[in-house]
Structure formats: C-alpha cells, structure tokens
C-alpha cells in the first residue's frame, strides 16, 4: 500500500493554518482503494466457492459472507499496521468500502459451487 505524501506539507510555514490537515497523494489513495476493491472481490469469490462446497444454504451462507468480509477487513487493517490514516482519508473508507460490492460475486460462485458439488 502506498502511504500519504508528506513532502508537500514540509515546505509550509509553521504558522500556516493548514499544518494540521493531512496531505494525501490522490494517486496513492486511488491505488489503495483499488487494492481494497480487488481484495474484497477475490475474497468474496473464494468465500462463495467455500460456502458452496461446505453446503451452506439460506441465511447461513450470508452469515458466512459477512464473516469473510469481517476477516478481510481485519486482514487489511493488519496489512496497514493498524495505522489507517497513513493510507486512507477515513477509517470507514477502509473498513466498509466495497463491503456489499462483492455480494453478487459471492452469490454467483456460492450457487455455482453448490450446484456442482451437491446437485450434479
């Protein structure tokens, strides 16, 4: 993950009112959000296949999806060394961005794996 750019803030005067505001490089922030999106999509696909193989049906499959997304959020926090504001502009953006975005992929691969293993 790319960290925020502090080189811009170092050239300012100490009496400037904007010293307390963190400066983010837009390209780094966009790259970090893209990595989160890819990670969540990949984990939702893997989780869907695992849920289908294990034979989860109904509400149990959706509970498994939210468990997988919670584990993914914790993994992303650990990858950022629990210093969210170094890589993102808000904590919610890292923890919740794309949380429901992978649900369609999860359901697709969940039903596909379930049909292959348990029906055919």
N, C-alpha and C. Protein backbone atom coordinates (compact mmCIF):
# COMPACT_ATOMS: atom_id res chain seq x y z
N UNK A 1 0.83 -1.17 0.00
CA UNK A 1 0.00 0.00 0.00
C UNK A 1 0.88 1.24 0.00
N UNK A 2 0.43 2.24 -0.67
CA UNK A 2 1.18 3.49 -0.77
C UNK A 2 0.77 4.42 0.36
N UNK A 3 1.75 5.05 0.99
CA UNK A 3 1.49 5.94 2.11
C UNK A 3 1.19 7.34 1.61
N UNK A 4 0.69 8.18 2.51
CA UNK A 4 0.39 9.56 2.13
C UNK A 4 1.67 10.32 1.86
N UNK A 5 1.55 11.41 1.14
CA UNK A 5 2.70 12.20 0.71
C UNK A 5 2.90 13.35 1.68
N UNK A 6 3.94 13.29 2.54
CA UNK A 6 4.23 14.34 3.49
C UNK A 6 5.22 15.36 2.96
N UNK A 7 5.75 15.16 1.76
CA UNK A 7 6.74 16.07 1.22
C UNK A 7 6.14 17.44 0.91
N UNK A 8 4.85 17.49 0.61
CA UNK A 8 4.20 18.76 0.30
C UNK A 8 4.04 19.60 1.56
N UNK A 9 3.74 18.94 2.67
CA UNK A 9 3.50 19.66 3.91
C UNK A 9 4.79 20.19 4.53
N UNK A 10 5.94 19.64 4.19
CA UNK A 10 7.19 20.04 4.82
C UNK A 10 7.65 21.42 4.38
N UNK A 11 7.19 21.94 3.24
CA UNK A 11 7.62 23.23 2.74
C UNK A 11 6.79 24.39 3.26
N UNK A 12 5.79 24.14 4.07
CA UNK A 12 4.91 25.21 4.56
C UNK A 12 5.49 25.87 5.80
N UNK A 13 5.03 27.08 6.06
CA UNK A 13 5.44 27.81 7.26
C UNK A 13 4.76 27.20 8.48
N UNK A 14 5.39 27.34 9.63
CA UNK A 14 4.84 26.74 10.84
C UNK A 14 3.59 27.47 11.31
N UNK A 15 3.40 28.71 10.93
CA UNK A 15 2.23 29.46 11.37
C UNK A 15 1.05 29.28 10.44
N UNK A 16 1.16 28.46 9.42
CA UNK A 16 0.08 28.27 8.46
C UNK A 16 -1.06 27.51 9.13
N UNK A 17 -2.29 27.88 8.78
CA UNK A 17 -3.47 27.27 9.40
C UNK A 17 -3.71 25.85 8.90
N UNK A 18 -3.10 25.49 7.79
CA UNK A 18 -3.34 24.18 7.21
C UNK A 18 -2.31 23.14 7.63
N UNK A 19 -1.49 23.42 8.63
CA UNK A 19 -0.47 22.47 9.06
C UNK A 19 -1.06 21.20 9.65
N UNK A 20 -2.22 21.30 10.25
CA UNK A 20 -2.82 20.15 10.91
C UNK A 20 -3.55 19.22 9.95
N UNK A 21 -3.80 19.67 8.73
CA UNK A 21 -4.52 18.84 7.77
C UNK A 21 -3.56 17.86 7.10
N UNK A 22 -3.93 16.57 7.07
CA UNK A 22 -3.05 15.61 6.38
C UNK A 22 -3.13 15.80 4.87
N UNK A 23 -2.01 15.63 4.22
CA UNK A 23 -1.94 15.77 2.77
C UNK A 23 -1.85 14.36 2.16
N UNK A 24 -2.75 14.07 1.23
CA UNK A 24 -2.77 12.77 0.58
C UNK A 24 -2.45 12.94 -0.90
N UNK A 25 -1.69 12.02 -1.41
CA UNK A 25 -1.46 11.95 -2.84
C UNK A 25 -2.66 11.24 -3.44
N UNK A 26 -3.33 11.87 -4.38
CA UNK A 26 -4.57 11.31 -4.95
C UNK A 26 -4.31 9.98 -5.64
N UNK A 27 -3.18 9.85 -6.31
CA UNK A 27 -2.87 8.59 -7.00
C UNK A 27 -2.66 7.46 -6.01
N UNK A 28 -1.98 7.74 -4.90
CA UNK A 28 -1.76 6.71 -3.88
C UNK A 28 -3.08 6.30 -3.23
N UNK A 29 -3.92 7.27 -2.93
CA UNK A 29 -5.21 6.98 -2.31
C UNK A 29 -6.07 6.15 -3.25
N UNK A 30 -6.08 6.50 -4.53
CA UNK A 30 -6.84 5.75 -5.52
C UNK A 30 -6.30 4.33 -5.67
N UNK A 31 -4.99 4.19 -5.65
CA UNK A 31 -4.37 2.87 -5.74
C UNK A 31 -4.74 2.01 -4.53
N UNK A 32 -4.73 2.60 -3.36
CA UNK A 32 -5.08 1.86 -2.14
C UNK A 32 -6.54 1.41 -2.17
N UNK A 33 -7.43 2.27 -2.64
CA UNK A 33 -8.84 1.89 -2.74
C UNK A 33 -9.06 0.80 -3.78
N UNK A 34 -8.29 0.84 -4.85
CA UNK A 34 -8.38 -0.20 -5.88
C UNK A 34 -7.92 -1.54 -5.31
N UNK A 35 -6.85 -1.53 -4.52
CA UNK A 35 -6.35 -2.76 -3.90
C UNK A 35 -7.39 -3.34 -2.95
N UNK A 36 -8.06 -2.49 -2.20
CA UNK A 36 -9.12 -2.96 -1.30
C UNK A 36 -10.25 -3.58 -2.09
N UNK A 37 -10.64 -2.94 -3.18
CA UNK A 37 -11.71 -3.48 -4.01
C UNK A 37 -11.34 -4.84 -4.59
N UNK A 38 -10.13 -4.98 -5.09
CA UNK A 38 -9.68 -6.26 -5.64
C UNK A 38 -9.62 -7.33 -4.54
N UNK A 39 -9.14 -6.97 -3.37
CA UNK A 39 -9.04 -7.92 -2.26
C UNK A 39 -10.42 -8.41 -1.83
N UNK A 40 -11.35 -7.50 -1.71
CA UNK A 40 -12.72 -7.89 -1.32
C UNK A 40 -13.39 -8.74 -2.38
N UNK A 41 -13.19 -8.41 -3.65
CA UNK A 41 -13.79 -9.21 -4.72
C UNK A 41 -13.19 -10.61 -4.73
N UNK A 42 -11.87 -10.71 -4.60
CA UNK A 42 -11.22 -12.02 -4.56
C UNK A 42 -11.71 -12.85 -3.38
N UNK A 43 -11.79 -12.23 -2.20
CA UNK A 43 -12.23 -12.97 -1.02
C UNK A 43 -13.70 -13.36 -1.11
N UNK A 44 -14.52 -12.55 -1.78
CA UNK A 44 -15.92 -12.93 -1.92
C UNK A 44 -16.06 -14.11 -2.88
N UNK A 45 -15.21 -14.17 -3.91
CA UNK A 45 -15.24 -15.32 -4.82
C UNK A 45 -14.77 -16.58 -4.10
N UNK A 46 -13.67 -16.49 -3.38
CA UNK A 46 -13.16 -17.64 -2.62
C UNK A 46 -14.17 -18.06 -1.56
N UNK A 47 -14.76 -17.09 -0.87
CA UNK A 47 -15.77 -17.40 0.14
C UNK A 47 -16.99 -18.05 -0.46
N UNK A 48 -17.40 -17.61 -1.65
CA UNK A 48 -18.55 -18.22 -2.32
C UNK A 48 -18.30 -19.67 -2.68
N UNK A 49 -17.10 -19.95 -3.17
CA UNK A 49 -16.76 -21.33 -3.52
C UNK A 49 -16.72 -22.20 -2.25
N UNK A 50 -16.12 -21.67 -1.20
CA UNK A 50 -16.05 -22.44 0.06
C UNK A 50 -17.44 -22.66 0.63
N UNK A 51 -18.30 -21.65 0.60
CA UNK A 51 -19.67 -21.81 1.10
C UNK A 51 -20.44 -22.84 0.28
N UNK A 52 -20.21 -22.85 -1.03
CA UNK A 52 -20.88 -23.85 -1.87
C UNK A 52 -20.38 -25.25 -1.60
N UNK A 53 -19.08 -25.41 -1.42
CA UNK A 53 -18.51 -26.73 -1.13
C UNK A 53 -18.98 -27.24 0.22
N UNK A 54 -19.04 -26.34 1.21
CA UNK A 54 -19.50 -26.75 2.54
C UNK A 54 -21.00 -26.99 2.61
N UNK A 55 -21.73 -26.59 1.58
CA UNK A 55 -23.16 -26.86 1.51
C UNK A 55 -24.02 -25.89 2.29
N UNK A 56 -23.55 -24.68 2.51
CA UNK A 56 -24.36 -23.68 3.21
C UNK A 56 -25.54 -23.29 2.34
N UNK A 57 -26.71 -23.19 2.98
CA UNK A 57 -27.90 -22.75 2.27
C UNK A 57 -28.58 -21.66 3.10
N UNK A 58 -29.32 -20.82 2.42
CA UNK A 58 -30.13 -19.81 3.09
C UNK A 58 -29.30 -18.78 3.83
N UNK A 59 -29.79 -18.47 5.01
CA UNK A 59 -29.19 -17.41 5.83
C UNK A 59 -27.77 -17.73 6.27
N UNK A 60 -27.47 -19.01 6.43
CA UNK A 60 -26.12 -19.41 6.86
C UNK A 60 -25.06 -18.98 5.85
N UNK A 61 -25.38 -19.01 4.57
CA UNK A 61 -24.45 -18.57 3.54
C UNK A 61 -24.17 -17.08 3.63
N UNK A 62 -25.19 -16.29 3.89
CA UNK A 62 -24.99 -14.84 4.01
C UNK A 62 -24.23 -14.48 5.29
N UNK A 63 -24.47 -15.22 6.34
CA UNK A 63 -23.70 -15.01 7.57
C UNK A 63 -22.23 -15.32 7.30
N UNK A 64 -21.98 -16.37 6.53
CA UNK A 64 -20.61 -16.72 6.16
C UNK A 64 -19.96 -15.61 5.34
N UNK A 65 -20.73 -14.98 4.44
CA UNK A 65 -20.20 -13.87 3.64
C UNK A 65 -19.78 -12.71 4.54
N UNK A 66 -20.63 -12.34 5.49
CA UNK A 66 -20.28 -11.22 6.38
C UNK A 66 -19.10 -11.57 7.28
N UNK A 67 -18.98 -12.83 7.64
CA UNK A 67 -17.81 -13.28 8.40
C UNK A 67 -16.54 -13.17 7.56
N UNK A 68 -16.61 -13.58 6.30
CA UNK A 68 -15.46 -13.47 5.40
C UNK A 68 -15.07 -12.00 5.20
N UNK A 69 -16.04 -11.12 5.04
CA UNK A 69 -15.75 -9.70 4.85
C UNK A 69 -15.16 -9.08 6.12
N UNK A 70 -15.60 -9.53 7.29
CA UNK A 70 -15.02 -9.04 8.53
C UNK A 70 -13.56 -9.49 8.67
N UNK A 71 -13.29 -10.72 8.31
CA UNK A 71 -11.92 -11.23 8.35
C UNK A 71 -11.05 -10.48 7.34
N UNK A 72 -11.61 -10.19 6.17
CA UNK A 72 -10.87 -9.42 5.16
C UNK A 72 -10.55 -8.03 5.68
N UNK A 73 -11.51 -7.39 6.35
CA UNK A 73 -11.26 -6.06 6.92
C UNK A 73 -10.15 -6.10 7.96
N UNK A 74 -10.16 -7.12 8.80
CA UNK A 74 -9.10 -7.26 9.79
C UNK A 74 -7.75 -7.51 9.13
N UNK A 75 -7.74 -8.30 8.06
CA UNK A 75 -6.50 -8.54 7.32
C UNK A 75 -5.96 -7.27 6.68
N UNK A 76 -6.85 -6.46 6.14
CA UNK A 76 -6.43 -5.19 5.54
C UNK A 76 -5.91 -4.22 6.61
N UNK A 77 -6.56 -4.23 7.78
CA UNK A 77 -6.07 -3.41 8.89
C UNK A 77 -4.68 -3.86 9.33
N UNK A 78 -4.47 -5.16 9.39
CA UNK A 78 -3.16 -5.68 9.78
C UNK A 78 -2.11 -5.33 8.73
N UNK A 79 -2.50 -5.39 7.45
CA UNK A 79 -1.56 -5.04 6.38
C UNK A 79 -1.16 -3.56 6.48
N UNK A 80 -2.09 -2.71 6.92
CA UNK A 80 -1.80 -1.28 7.09
C UNK A 80 -1.17 -1.00 8.46
N UNK A 81 -0.85 -2.06 9.19
CA UNK A 81 -0.23 -1.96 10.53
C UNK A 81 -1.10 -1.14 11.49
N UNK A 82 -2.42 -1.27 11.34
CA UNK A 82 -3.42 -0.62 12.18
C UNK A 82 -3.27 0.90 12.21
N UNK A 83 -2.62 1.44 11.20
CA UNK A 83 -2.47 2.89 11.04
C UNK A 83 -3.24 3.31 9.79
N UNK A 84 -4.54 3.40 9.93
CA UNK A 84 -5.42 3.63 8.80
C UNK A 84 -5.19 5.00 8.18
N UNK A 85 -4.99 6.01 8.99
CA UNK A 85 -4.91 7.38 8.48
C UNK A 85 -3.61 7.65 7.72
N UNK A 86 -2.67 6.72 7.74
CA UNK A 86 -1.47 6.86 6.93
C UNK A 86 -1.77 6.55 5.47
N UNK A 87 -2.72 5.66 5.22
CA UNK A 87 -3.00 5.19 3.87
C UNK A 87 -4.35 5.63 3.32
N UNK A 88 -5.28 6.03 4.19
CA UNK A 88 -6.64 6.39 3.77
C UNK A 88 -7.08 7.66 4.46
N UNK A 89 -8.08 8.32 3.88
CA UNK A 89 -8.56 9.56 4.47
C UNK A 89 -9.55 9.33 5.60
N UNK A 90 -10.16 8.16 5.69
CA UNK A 90 -11.05 7.86 6.82
C UNK A 90 -11.04 6.36 7.10
N UNK A 91 -11.34 6.03 8.33
CA UNK A 91 -11.35 4.62 8.74
C UNK A 91 -12.51 3.86 8.09
N UNK A 92 -13.65 4.53 7.96
CA UNK A 92 -14.81 3.88 7.35
C UNK A 92 -14.56 3.51 5.90
N UNK A 93 -13.76 4.31 5.23
CA UNK A 93 -13.46 4.03 3.83
C UNK A 93 -12.71 2.72 3.68
N UNK A 94 -11.84 2.43 4.62
CA UNK A 94 -11.08 1.18 4.55
C UNK A 94 -11.92 -0.01 5.01
N UNK A 95 -12.66 0.17 6.07
CA UNK A 95 -13.40 -0.95 6.65
C UNK A 95 -14.67 -1.30 5.88
N UNK A 96 -15.36 -0.31 5.32
CA UNK A 96 -16.67 -0.56 4.74
C UNK A 96 -16.74 -0.40 3.23
N UNK A 97 -15.73 0.18 2.61
CA UNK A 97 -15.78 0.41 1.17
C UNK A 97 -15.74 -0.92 0.43
N UNK A 98 -16.75 -1.18 -0.35
CA UNK A 98 -16.82 -2.43 -1.10
C UNK A 98 -17.34 -3.61 -0.29
N UNK A 99 -17.87 -3.35 0.89
CA UNK A 99 -18.34 -4.43 1.76
C UNK A 99 -19.47 -5.20 1.09
N UNK A 100 -20.40 -4.49 0.48
CA UNK A 100 -21.52 -5.15 -0.20
C UNK A 100 -21.26 -5.31 -1.70
N UNK A 101 -20.18 -4.74 -2.19
CA UNK A 101 -19.87 -4.82 -3.61
C UNK A 101 -19.57 -6.22 -4.09
N UNK A 102 -19.02 -7.05 -3.26
CA UNK A 102 -18.69 -8.42 -3.65
C UNK A 102 -19.80 -9.42 -3.41
N UNK A 103 -20.95 -8.93 -2.96
CA UNK A 103 -22.05 -9.84 -2.65
C UNK A 103 -22.56 -10.58 -3.88
N UNK A 104 -22.61 -9.90 -5.02
CA UNK A 104 -23.08 -10.55 -6.25
C UNK A 104 -22.11 -11.66 -6.67
N UNK A 105 -20.82 -11.38 -6.58
CA UNK A 105 -19.82 -12.40 -6.93
C UNK A 105 -19.91 -13.57 -5.97
N UNK A 106 -20.10 -13.26 -4.68
CA UNK A 106 -20.22 -14.32 -3.67
C UNK A 106 -21.39 -15.23 -4.00
N UNK A 107 -22.56 -14.66 -4.27
CA UNK A 107 -23.76 -15.46 -4.54
C UNK A 107 -23.58 -16.27 -5.83
N UNK A 108 -22.97 -15.67 -6.84
CA UNK A 108 -22.74 -16.39 -8.10
C UNK A 108 -21.88 -17.63 -7.89
N UNK A 109 -20.74 -17.46 -7.22
CA UNK A 109 -19.83 -18.59 -7.02
C UNK A 109 -20.35 -19.55 -5.95
N UNK A 110 -21.12 -19.05 -5.01
CA UNK A 110 -21.74 -19.91 -3.99
C UNK A 110 -22.71 -20.88 -4.65
N UNK A 111 -23.61 -20.34 -5.47
CA UNK A 111 -24.59 -21.21 -6.13
C UNK A 111 -23.93 -22.13 -7.15
N UNK A 112 -22.92 -21.62 -7.84
CA UNK A 112 -22.22 -22.45 -8.84
C UNK A 112 -21.53 -23.63 -8.17
N UNK A 113 -20.79 -23.37 -7.09
CA UNK A 113 -20.07 -24.46 -6.40
C UNK A 113 -21.07 -25.41 -5.74
N UNK A 114 -22.15 -24.88 -5.18
CA UNK A 114 -23.15 -25.74 -4.54
C UNK A 114 -23.80 -26.67 -5.58
N UNK A 115 -24.11 -26.11 -6.75
CA UNK A 115 -24.74 -26.94 -7.79
C UNK A 115 -23.79 -28.03 -8.29
N UNK A 116 -22.55 -27.69 -8.47
CA UNK A 116 -21.59 -28.68 -8.98
C UNK A 116 -21.36 -29.80 -7.97
N UNK A 117 -21.21 -29.45 -6.70
CA UNK A 117 -20.88 -30.44 -5.67
C UNK A 117 -22.10 -31.24 -5.21
N UNK A 118 -23.21 -30.54 -4.93
CA UNK A 118 -24.32 -31.20 -4.24
C UNK A 118 -25.48 -31.60 -5.15
N UNK A 119 -25.61 -31.01 -6.30
CA UNK A 119 -26.75 -31.35 -7.17
C UNK A 119 -26.32 -32.28 -8.30
N UNK A 120 -25.21 -31.96 -8.96
CA UNK A 120 -24.77 -32.80 -10.08
C UNK A 120 -23.95 -33.89 -9.54
